[in-house]
Amino acid sequence: MNFKKYDIVKVIKPYWEDIPLDSHIGKEAIITEIRCGYELTFLDGSGTSAWWHDHQLAFIKKGNEDIVKVAEDKYNERIRLAQSWDWIKEHWEDGTISATSILFLMNEIGYHSAFEYNGEYFALFMDFKILYPIFDCLLKGELDNALSLVDKFFKPHCHDKAKENIIKCYNKIHN
């Protein structure tokens, strides 16, 4: 391993060699941990990623713990925004909400995605695909339509609690 903790690097090759359209390419990051690869904290505040290797990174310059703090502060601000009703409503129609927003929405109605346990985006995608109609109704102010979908998407023993949570969520969005 050629890099040291707190080195600032640029991602030059994709994480998965057979997927060339990696959104990390060109991003600058600081190395925060070294184990079986490098853990990176992206300087733009977009988050962290692990298991990167020497051939995927280019050295830019030495960094320090203060740079990590700035990147983490940017990330925390992005999370705060992505979990705000104003931001979600603003980005709902154009489809640019983030996984953070999706998880926030799910938690607001009391649904816990398998993604929270295993980190597989496929699980998050499938859960969101199923629950999207409920969220769409809620954000469009169609509470009755959202409630009518509960029986379709939730197990019978969860109906009452889901409806209660959906009403609470609706009130947060529209009050």
N, C-alpha and C. Protein backbone atom coordinates (compact mmCIF):
# COMPACT_ATOMS: atom_id res chain seq x y z
N MET A 1 0.86 -1.17 0.00
CA MET A 1 0.00 0.00 0.00
C MET A 1 0.90 1.23 0.00
N ASN A 2 0.72 2.05 -1.02
CA ASN A 2 1.62 3.19 -1.24
C ASN A 2 1.20 4.46 -0.51
N PHE A 3 -0.08 4.59 -0.18
CA PHE A 3 -0.56 5.84 0.41
C PHE A 3 -0.62 5.75 1.93
N LYS A 4 -0.65 6.90 2.55
CA LYS A 4 -0.68 7.01 4.00
C LYS A 4 -2.01 7.64 4.44
N LYS A 5 -2.32 7.42 5.70
CA LYS A 5 -3.50 8.06 6.27
C LYS A 5 -3.37 9.57 6.11
N TYR A 6 -4.45 10.20 5.71
CA TYR A 6 -4.60 11.64 5.47
C TYR A 6 -4.02 12.11 4.14
N ASP A 7 -3.52 11.19 3.32
CA ASP A 7 -3.15 11.60 1.96
C ASP A 7 -4.42 11.97 1.20
N ILE A 8 -4.31 13.03 0.42
CA ILE A 8 -5.42 13.42 -0.45
C ILE A 8 -5.14 12.80 -1.81
N VAL A 9 -6.15 12.11 -2.33
CA VAL A 9 -6.01 11.37 -3.58
C VAL A 9 -7.15 11.72 -4.52
N LYS A 10 -6.97 11.34 -5.77
CA LYS A 10 -8.02 11.47 -6.77
C LYS A 10 -8.34 10.07 -7.27
N VAL A 11 -9.62 9.77 -7.40
CA VAL A 11 -10.03 8.47 -7.94
C VAL A 11 -9.84 8.51 -9.45
N ILE A 12 -9.02 7.58 -9.97
CA ILE A 12 -8.70 7.59 -11.40
C ILE A 12 -9.22 6.37 -12.15
N LYS A 13 -9.62 5.34 -11.42
CA LYS A 13 -10.16 4.12 -12.05
C LYS A 13 -11.40 3.70 -11.28
N PRO A 14 -12.31 3.02 -11.96
CA PRO A 14 -13.56 2.63 -11.31
C PRO A 14 -13.34 1.61 -10.20
N TYR A 15 -14.25 1.62 -9.26
CA TYR A 15 -14.21 0.67 -8.15
C TYR A 15 -14.36 -0.74 -8.68
N TRP A 16 -15.36 -0.96 -9.53
CA TRP A 16 -15.54 -2.25 -10.21
C TRP A 16 -14.98 -2.10 -11.61
N GLU A 17 -13.96 -2.83 -11.92
CA GLU A 17 -13.24 -2.68 -13.19
C GLU A 17 -14.14 -2.82 -14.41
N ASP A 18 -15.20 -3.62 -14.30
CA ASP A 18 -16.06 -3.84 -15.46
C ASP A 18 -17.21 -2.85 -15.56
N ILE A 19 -17.26 -1.87 -14.66
CA ILE A 19 -18.29 -0.83 -14.71
C ILE A 19 -17.57 0.52 -14.84
N PRO A 20 -17.30 0.95 -16.06
CA PRO A 20 -16.49 2.15 -16.26
C PRO A 20 -17.19 3.47 -15.90
N LEU A 21 -18.49 3.47 -15.73
CA LEU A 21 -19.21 4.71 -15.44
C LEU A 21 -19.35 4.94 -13.94
N ASP A 22 -18.28 4.80 -13.23
CA ASP A 22 -18.27 4.96 -11.78
C ASP A 22 -18.35 6.45 -11.44
N SER A 23 -19.33 6.84 -10.60
CA SER A 23 -19.50 8.25 -10.25
C SER A 23 -18.38 8.78 -9.37
N HIS A 24 -17.51 7.91 -8.89
CA HIS A 24 -16.39 8.36 -8.06
C HIS A 24 -15.20 8.87 -8.89
N ILE A 25 -15.14 8.50 -10.16
CA ILE A 25 -13.99 8.88 -10.98
C ILE A 25 -13.87 10.40 -11.05
N GLY A 26 -12.67 10.88 -10.77
CA GLY A 26 -12.40 12.31 -10.78
C GLY A 26 -12.59 12.99 -9.44
N LYS A 27 -13.20 12.30 -8.50
CA LYS A 27 -13.43 12.90 -7.18
C LYS A 27 -12.16 12.89 -6.35
N GLU A 28 -12.03 13.91 -5.55
CA GLU A 28 -10.92 13.99 -4.61
C GLU A 28 -11.39 13.53 -3.24
N ALA A 29 -10.50 12.83 -2.54
CA ALA A 29 -10.85 12.27 -1.23
C ALA A 29 -9.61 12.26 -0.35
N ILE A 30 -9.87 12.09 0.93
CA ILE A 30 -8.78 11.94 1.89
C ILE A 30 -8.86 10.53 2.47
N ILE A 31 -7.72 9.91 2.60
CA ILE A 31 -7.67 8.55 3.16
C ILE A 31 -7.82 8.64 4.67
N THR A 32 -8.84 7.95 5.19
CA THR A 32 -9.12 8.02 6.62
C THR A 32 -8.79 6.73 7.36
N GLU A 33 -8.74 5.61 6.65
CA GLU A 33 -8.39 4.33 7.25
C GLU A 33 -7.65 3.49 6.21
N ILE A 34 -6.76 2.62 6.70
CA ILE A 34 -6.07 1.68 5.82
C ILE A 34 -6.20 0.30 6.46
N ARG A 35 -6.88 -0.59 5.75
CA ARG A 35 -7.02 -1.97 6.23
C ARG A 35 -6.64 -2.88 5.06
N CYS A 36 -7.64 -3.50 4.46
CA CYS A 36 -7.41 -4.35 3.28
C CYS A 36 -7.54 -3.52 2.01
N GLY A 37 -7.60 -2.25 2.17
CA GLY A 37 -7.74 -1.26 1.12
C GLY A 37 -7.84 0.08 1.83
N TYR A 38 -8.10 1.10 1.06
CA TYR A 38 -8.19 2.44 1.64
C TYR A 38 -9.65 2.83 1.84
N GLU A 39 -9.95 3.43 2.99
CA GLU A 39 -11.26 4.05 3.17
C GLU A 39 -11.10 5.52 2.84
N LEU A 40 -11.97 6.00 1.98
CA LEU A 40 -11.91 7.38 1.53
C LEU A 40 -13.08 8.19 2.07
N THR A 41 -12.80 9.43 2.43
CA THR A 41 -13.84 10.41 2.74
C THR A 41 -13.74 11.46 1.64
N PHE A 42 -14.82 11.59 0.87
CA PHE A 42 -14.79 12.50 -0.27
C PHE A 42 -14.86 13.95 0.18
N LEU A 43 -14.01 14.78 -0.42
CA LEU A 43 -13.87 16.17 0.01
C LEU A 43 -15.10 17.00 -0.31
N ASP A 44 -15.91 16.57 -1.28
CA ASP A 44 -17.12 17.32 -1.63
C ASP A 44 -18.26 17.06 -0.65
N GLY A 45 -18.03 16.19 0.33
CA GLY A 45 -19.05 15.91 1.33
C GLY A 45 -20.04 14.84 0.91
N SER A 46 -19.74 14.11 -0.16
CA SER A 46 -20.70 13.11 -0.66
C SER A 46 -20.65 11.80 0.12
N GLY A 47 -19.72 11.66 1.06
CA GLY A 47 -19.71 10.47 1.89
C GLY A 47 -18.39 9.76 1.92
N THR A 48 -18.45 8.47 2.20
CA THR A 48 -17.25 7.65 2.33
C THR A 48 -17.39 6.41 1.45
N SER A 49 -16.28 5.77 1.21
CA SER A 49 -16.26 4.52 0.46
C SER A 49 -15.00 3.76 0.86
N ALA A 50 -15.11 2.45 0.93
CA ALA A 50 -13.97 1.65 1.38
C ALA A 50 -13.51 0.66 0.31
N TRP A 51 -12.38 0.02 0.61
CA TRP A 51 -11.79 -1.04 -0.20
C TRP A 51 -11.17 -0.55 -1.50
N TRP A 52 -10.71 0.67 -1.54
CA TRP A 52 -10.02 1.19 -2.72
C TRP A 52 -8.56 0.74 -2.68
N HIS A 53 -7.94 0.63 -3.86
CA HIS A 53 -6.57 0.14 -3.95
C HIS A 53 -5.69 1.11 -4.73
N ASP A 54 -4.38 0.92 -4.59
CA ASP A 54 -3.39 1.84 -5.17
C ASP A 54 -3.65 2.18 -6.64
N HIS A 55 -3.92 1.18 -7.45
CA HIS A 55 -4.04 1.40 -8.90
C HIS A 55 -5.28 2.23 -9.27
N GLN A 56 -6.19 2.45 -8.31
CA GLN A 56 -7.40 3.21 -8.57
C GLN A 56 -7.28 4.68 -8.15
N LEU A 57 -6.17 5.02 -7.53
CA LEU A 57 -6.01 6.34 -6.93
C LEU A 57 -4.73 7.02 -7.40
N ALA A 58 -4.76 8.35 -7.41
CA ALA A 58 -3.56 9.14 -7.71
C ALA A 58 -3.33 10.11 -6.55
N PHE A 59 -2.09 10.20 -6.12
CA PHE A 59 -1.72 11.11 -5.03
C PHE A 59 -1.85 12.55 -5.48
N ILE A 60 -2.43 13.39 -4.62
CA ILE A 60 -2.50 14.83 -4.90
C ILE A 60 -1.56 15.57 -3.95
N LYS A 61 -1.77 15.38 -2.65
CA LYS A 61 -0.92 16.04 -1.65
C LYS A 61 -1.20 15.45 -0.28
N LYS A 62 -0.38 15.82 0.67
CA LYS A 62 -0.59 15.41 2.06
C LYS A 62 -1.76 16.21 2.64
N GLY A 63 -2.53 15.56 3.48
CA GLY A 63 -3.64 16.23 4.15
C GLY A 63 -3.50 16.11 5.65
N ASN A 64 -4.57 16.40 6.36
CA ASN A 64 -4.55 16.28 7.82
C ASN A 64 -5.97 16.06 8.35
N GLU A 65 -6.05 15.88 9.63
CA GLU A 65 -7.32 15.59 10.28
C GLU A 65 -8.33 16.73 10.11
N ASP A 66 -7.85 17.96 10.00
CA ASP A 66 -8.76 19.11 9.81
C ASP A 66 -9.53 19.00 8.50
N ILE A 67 -8.89 18.47 7.47
CA ILE A 67 -9.55 18.29 6.17
C ILE A 67 -10.65 17.25 6.29
N VAL A 68 -10.41 16.20 7.06
CA VAL A 68 -11.44 15.18 7.31
C VAL A 68 -12.65 15.84 7.97
N LYS A 69 -12.40 16.67 8.96
CA LYS A 69 -13.48 17.35 9.69
C LYS A 69 -14.31 18.21 8.75
N VAL A 70 -13.68 18.95 7.85
CA VAL A 70 -14.41 19.79 6.90
C VAL A 70 -15.28 18.92 5.99
N ALA A 71 -14.72 17.82 5.48
CA ALA A 71 -15.48 16.93 4.61
C ALA A 71 -16.66 16.30 5.37
N GLU A 72 -16.43 15.91 6.61
CA GLU A 72 -17.51 15.33 7.42
C GLU A 72 -18.59 16.36 7.70
N ASP A 73 -18.21 17.60 7.95
CA ASP A 73 -19.19 18.66 8.17
C ASP A 73 -20.04 18.88 6.91
N LYS A 74 -19.40 18.86 5.74
CA LYS A 74 -20.15 19.00 4.48
C LYS A 74 -21.12 17.83 4.31
N TYR A 75 -20.65 16.63 4.63
CA TYR A 75 -21.50 15.45 4.53
C TYR A 75 -22.70 15.55 5.47
N ASN A 76 -22.45 15.93 6.71
CA ASN A 76 -23.53 16.05 7.69
C ASN A 76 -24.57 17.09 7.26
N GLU A 77 -24.12 18.15 6.62
CA GLU A 77 -25.05 19.17 6.11
C GLU A 77 -25.88 18.59 4.97
N ARG A 78 -25.27 17.80 4.10
CA ARG A 78 -26.01 17.16 3.01
C ARG A 78 -27.08 16.21 3.57
N ILE A 79 -26.72 15.49 4.60
CA ILE A 79 -27.67 14.57 5.24
C ILE A 79 -28.82 15.36 5.85
N ARG A 80 -28.50 16.43 6.55
CA ARG A 80 -29.53 17.26 7.18
C ARG A 80 -30.50 17.78 6.13
N LEU A 81 -29.97 18.26 5.02
CA LEU A 81 -30.83 18.76 3.95
C LEU A 81 -31.68 17.65 3.35
N ALA A 82 -31.07 16.50 3.08
CA ALA A 82 -31.78 15.39 2.44
C ALA A 82 -32.89 14.83 3.32
N GLN A 83 -32.85 15.13 4.61
CA GLN A 83 -33.88 14.67 5.53
C GLN A 83 -34.85 15.78 5.92
N SER A 84 -34.84 16.85 5.17
CA SER A 84 -35.78 17.94 5.47
C SER A 84 -36.95 17.87 4.49
N TRP A 85 -38.13 18.13 5.01
CA TRP A 85 -39.33 18.06 4.17
C TRP A 85 -39.27 19.04 3.01
N ASP A 86 -38.76 20.24 3.24
CA ASP A 86 -38.68 21.22 2.16
C ASP A 86 -37.82 20.70 1.01
N TRP A 87 -36.67 20.11 1.34
CA TRP A 87 -35.77 19.60 0.30
C TRP A 87 -36.42 18.44 -0.44
N ILE A 88 -37.05 17.52 0.30
CA ILE A 88 -37.69 16.37 -0.33
C ILE A 88 -38.81 16.84 -1.25
N LYS A 89 -39.65 17.76 -0.79
CA LYS A 89 -40.75 18.25 -1.64
C LYS A 89 -40.21 18.94 -2.89
N GLU A 90 -39.14 19.70 -2.73
CA GLU A 90 -38.54 20.41 -3.86
C GLU A 90 -37.99 19.45 -4.91
N HIS A 91 -37.47 18.30 -4.48
CA HIS A 91 -36.81 17.37 -5.40
C HIS A 91 -37.64 16.14 -5.76
N TRP A 92 -38.83 16.03 -5.20
CA TRP A 92 -39.64 14.85 -5.43
C TRP A 92 -40.02 14.68 -6.90
N GLU A 93 -40.58 15.71 -7.48
CA GLU A 93 -41.10 15.61 -8.85
C GLU A 93 -40.01 15.34 -9.89
N ASP A 94 -38.82 15.88 -9.68
CA ASP A 94 -37.76 15.67 -10.68
C ASP A 94 -36.96 14.39 -10.41
N GLY A 95 -37.31 13.68 -9.34
CA GLY A 95 -36.69 12.38 -9.07
C GLY A 95 -35.25 12.43 -8.61
N THR A 96 -34.84 13.55 -8.03
CA THR A 96 -33.44 13.66 -7.60
C THR A 96 -33.27 13.49 -6.09
N ILE A 97 -34.20 12.83 -5.43
CA ILE A 97 -34.00 12.59 -4.01
C ILE A 97 -32.95 11.49 -3.84
N SER A 98 -32.31 11.51 -2.71
CA SER A 98 -31.21 10.59 -2.46
C SER A 98 -31.66 9.37 -1.66
N ALA A 99 -30.76 8.41 -1.53
CA ALA A 99 -31.02 7.24 -0.69
C ALA A 99 -31.29 7.69 0.74
N THR A 100 -30.62 8.74 1.19
CA THR A 100 -30.85 9.27 2.53
C THR A 100 -32.29 9.73 2.68
N SER A 101 -32.81 10.42 1.67
CA SER A 101 -34.20 10.88 1.70
C SER A 101 -35.17 9.70 1.69
N ILE A 102 -34.87 8.71 0.88
CA ILE A 102 -35.72 7.53 0.79
C ILE A 102 -35.78 6.81 2.15
N LEU A 103 -34.64 6.61 2.77
CA LEU A 103 -34.62 5.97 4.09
C LEU A 103 -35.36 6.80 5.13
N PHE A 104 -35.21 8.10 5.04
CA PHE A 104 -35.93 9.00 5.94
C PHE A 104 -37.44 8.83 5.77
N LEU A 105 -37.90 8.82 4.52
CA LEU A 105 -39.32 8.63 4.25
C LEU A 105 -39.81 7.30 4.81
N MET A 106 -39.06 6.24 4.57
CA MET A 106 -39.44 4.92 5.07
C MET A 106 -39.54 4.90 6.59
N ASN A 107 -38.56 5.50 7.23
CA ASN A 107 -38.58 5.54 8.70
C ASN A 107 -39.75 6.37 9.22
N GLU A 108 -40.11 7.42 8.49
CA GLU A 108 -41.23 8.27 8.91
C GLU A 108 -42.55 7.50 8.93
N ILE A 109 -42.69 6.49 8.08
CA ILE A 109 -43.93 5.70 8.11
C ILE A 109 -43.74 4.39 8.88
N GLY A 110 -42.59 4.24 9.54
CA GLY A 110 -42.34 3.07 10.36
C GLY A 110 -41.88 1.85 9.61
N TYR A 111 -41.39 2.03 8.39
CA TYR A 111 -40.92 0.91 7.59
C TYR A 111 -39.40 0.86 7.66
N HIS A 112 -38.85 -0.30 7.90
CA HIS A 112 -37.41 -0.45 7.97
C HIS A 112 -36.94 -1.35 6.84
N SER A 113 -36.21 -0.77 5.93
CA SER A 113 -35.72 -1.48 4.76
C SER A 113 -34.62 -2.47 5.13
N ALA A 114 -34.57 -3.57 4.41
CA ALA A 114 -33.48 -4.54 4.59
C ALA A 114 -32.13 -3.87 4.30
N PHE A 115 -32.15 -2.80 3.52
CA PHE A 115 -30.92 -2.05 3.22
C PHE A 115 -30.22 -1.61 4.51
N GLU A 116 -30.99 -1.28 5.52
CA GLU A 116 -30.40 -0.81 6.77
C GLU A 116 -29.61 -1.90 7.48
N TYR A 117 -29.87 -3.15 7.12
CA TYR A 117 -29.18 -4.26 7.76
C TYR A 117 -28.06 -4.83 6.90
N ASN A 118 -28.22 -4.75 5.59
CA ASN A 118 -27.23 -5.39 4.73
C ASN A 118 -26.54 -4.46 3.74
N GLY A 119 -27.01 -3.23 3.60
CA GLY A 119 -26.35 -2.25 2.75
C GLY A 119 -26.49 -2.50 1.25
N GLU A 120 -27.36 -3.41 0.86
CA GLU A 120 -27.54 -3.71 -0.55
C GLU A 120 -28.53 -2.73 -1.17
N TYR A 121 -28.06 -1.95 -2.13
CA TYR A 121 -28.94 -0.96 -2.77
C TYR A 121 -30.10 -1.62 -3.50
N PHE A 122 -29.95 -2.86 -3.92
CA PHE A 122 -31.05 -3.56 -4.57
C PHE A 122 -32.24 -3.66 -3.62
N ALA A 123 -31.96 -3.95 -2.34
CA ALA A 123 -33.02 -4.04 -1.34
C ALA A 123 -33.71 -2.69 -1.18
N LEU A 124 -32.94 -1.63 -1.13
CA LEU A 124 -33.52 -0.29 -1.01
C LEU A 124 -34.36 0.04 -2.24
N PHE A 125 -33.84 -0.26 -3.42
CA PHE A 125 -34.57 0.01 -4.65
C PHE A 125 -35.91 -0.73 -4.67
N MET A 126 -35.89 -2.01 -4.31
CA MET A 126 -37.13 -2.79 -4.34
C MET A 126 -38.14 -2.29 -3.30
N ASP A 127 -37.67 -1.97 -2.11
CA ASP A 127 -38.57 -1.42 -1.09
C ASP A 127 -39.18 -0.10 -1.56
N PHE A 128 -38.35 0.75 -2.14
CA PHE A 128 -38.83 2.05 -2.60
C PHE A 128 -39.81 1.89 -3.76
N LYS A 129 -39.51 0.96 -4.65
CA LYS A 129 -40.41 0.71 -5.79
C LYS A 129 -41.80 0.32 -5.28
N ILE A 130 -41.85 -0.48 -4.24
CA ILE A 130 -43.13 -0.92 -3.67
C ILE A 130 -43.84 0.23 -2.96
N LEU A 131 -43.10 1.00 -2.17
CA LEU A 131 -43.71 2.05 -1.34
C LEU A 131 -43.87 3.39 -2.05
N TYR A 132 -43.27 3.55 -3.21
CA TYR A 132 -43.33 4.82 -3.94
C TYR A 132 -44.75 5.37 -4.06
N PRO A 133 -45.75 4.56 -4.43
CA PRO A 133 -47.10 5.13 -4.57
C PRO A 133 -47.62 5.78 -3.29
N ILE A 134 -47.29 5.21 -2.15
CA ILE A 134 -47.72 5.81 -0.88
C ILE A 134 -47.05 7.16 -0.69
N PHE A 135 -45.74 7.21 -0.90
CA PHE A 135 -45.02 8.48 -0.73
C PHE A 135 -45.49 9.53 -1.74
N ASP A 136 -45.75 9.10 -2.95
CA ASP A 136 -46.22 10.03 -3.98
C ASP A 136 -47.55 10.64 -3.56
N CYS A 137 -48.45 9.82 -3.07
CA CYS A 137 -49.74 10.34 -2.59
C CYS A 137 -49.54 11.31 -1.42
N LEU A 138 -48.70 10.93 -0.48
CA LEU A 138 -48.45 11.79 0.68
C LEU A 138 -47.91 13.15 0.26
N LEU A 139 -46.93 13.14 -0.61
CA LEU A 139 -46.31 14.40 -1.02
C LEU A 139 -47.22 15.25 -1.89
N LYS A 140 -48.17 14.62 -2.56
CA LYS A 140 -49.15 15.36 -3.38
C LYS A 140 -50.38 15.75 -2.58
N GLY A 141 -50.40 15.42 -1.29
CA GLY A 141 -51.52 15.81 -0.44
C GLY A 141 -52.72 14.90 -0.54
N GLU A 142 -52.52 13.69 -0.99
CA GLU A 142 -53.62 12.74 -1.18
C GLU A 142 -53.62 11.68 -0.08
N LEU A 143 -53.98 12.10 1.13
CA LEU A 143 -53.92 11.21 2.29
C LEU A 143 -54.83 10.00 2.11
N ASP A 144 -56.07 10.20 1.66
CA ASP A 144 -56.99 9.06 1.52
C ASP A 144 -56.43 8.01 0.56
N ASN A 145 -55.83 8.46 -0.53
CA ASN A 145 -55.23 7.52 -1.49
C ASN A 145 -54.06 6.77 -0.86
N ALA A 146 -53.25 7.49 -0.09
CA ALA A 146 -52.11 6.84 0.57
C ALA A 146 -52.60 5.76 1.54
N LEU A 147 -53.62 6.09 2.32
CA LEU A 147 -54.15 5.13 3.29
C LEU A 147 -54.79 3.92 2.60
N SER A 148 -55.39 4.16 1.44
CA SER A 148 -56.03 3.05 0.72
C SER A 148 -55.02 2.03 0.21
N LEU A 149 -53.74 2.42 0.12
CA LEU A 149 -52.70 1.52 -0.37
C LEU A 149 -52.09 0.64 0.72
N VAL A 150 -52.35 0.97 1.96
CA VAL A 150 -51.75 0.23 3.07
C VAL A 150 -52.09 -1.26 3.00
N ASP A 151 -53.34 -1.57 2.77
CA ASP A 151 -53.75 -2.98 2.73
C ASP A 151 -53.04 -3.75 1.63
N LYS A 152 -52.66 -3.06 0.59
CA LYS A 152 -51.99 -3.67 -0.55
C LYS A 152 -50.51 -3.96 -0.26
N PHE A 153 -49.86 -3.09 0.51
CA PHE A 153 -48.40 -3.15 0.68
C PHE A 153 -47.91 -3.63 2.05
N PHE A 154 -48.79 -3.68 3.03
CA PHE A 154 -48.37 -4.07 4.38
C PHE A 154 -49.09 -5.34 4.81
N LYS A 155 -48.44 -6.11 5.67
CA LYS A 155 -49.06 -7.32 6.22
C LYS A 155 -50.24 -6.91 7.09
N PRO A 156 -51.28 -7.77 7.16
CA PRO A 156 -52.49 -7.42 7.92
C PRO A 156 -52.24 -6.96 9.36
N HIS A 157 -51.32 -7.60 10.06
CA HIS A 157 -51.08 -7.20 11.45
C HIS A 157 -50.36 -5.85 11.56
N CYS A 158 -49.92 -5.29 10.44
CA CYS A 158 -49.24 -3.98 10.43
C CYS A 158 -50.13 -2.85 9.95
N HIS A 159 -51.34 -3.16 9.48
CA HIS A 159 -52.20 -2.14 8.86
C HIS A 159 -52.47 -0.94 9.76
N ASP A 160 -52.90 -1.18 10.98
CA ASP A 160 -53.27 -0.07 11.87
C ASP A 160 -52.08 0.83 12.17
N LYS A 161 -50.95 0.22 12.49
CA LYS A 161 -49.76 1.02 12.82
C LYS A 161 -49.26 1.78 11.59
N ALA A 162 -49.30 1.14 10.42
CA ALA A 162 -48.86 1.81 9.20
C ALA A 162 -49.76 3.01 8.90
N LYS A 163 -51.05 2.84 9.06
CA LYS A 163 -51.98 3.96 8.80
C LYS A 163 -51.74 5.10 9.79
N GLU A 164 -51.53 4.75 11.04
CA GLU A 164 -51.23 5.76 12.06
C GLU A 164 -49.96 6.54 11.69
N ASN A 165 -48.91 5.82 11.28
CA ASN A 165 -47.66 6.47 10.90
C ASN A 165 -47.80 7.31 9.64
N ILE A 166 -48.59 6.84 8.70
CA ILE A 166 -48.81 7.59 7.46
C ILE A 166 -49.54 8.90 7.75
N ILE A 167 -50.51 8.87 8.64
CA ILE A 167 -51.22 10.10 9.02
C ILE A 167 -50.26 11.07 9.70
N LYS A 168 -49.42 10.57 10.60
CA LYS A 168 -48.42 11.42 11.26
C LYS A 168 -47.47 12.03 10.22
N CYS A 169 -47.04 11.21 9.29
CA CYS A 169 -46.14 11.68 8.23
C CYS A 169 -46.82 12.76 7.39
N TYR A 170 -48.05 12.52 7.01
CA TYR A 170 -48.82 13.50 6.22
C TYR A 170 -48.89 14.84 6.96
N ASN A 171 -49.17 14.77 8.26
CA ASN A 171 -49.26 16.01 9.05
C ASN A 171 -47.92 16.74 9.10
N LYS A 172 -46.83 16.02 9.16
CA LYS A 172 -45.51 16.68 9.15
C LYS A 172 -45.27 17.37 7.81
N ILE A 173 -45.66 16.72 6.75
CA ILE A 173 -45.43 17.27 5.41
C ILE A 173 -46.27 18.51 5.16
N HIS A 174 -47.52 18.47 5.59
CA HIS A 174 -48.49 19.51 5.19
C HIS A 174 -48.88 20.47 6.30
N ASN A 175 -48.24 20.40 7.44
CA ASN A 175 -48.53 21.38 8.51
C ASN A 175 -47.33 22.21 8.84
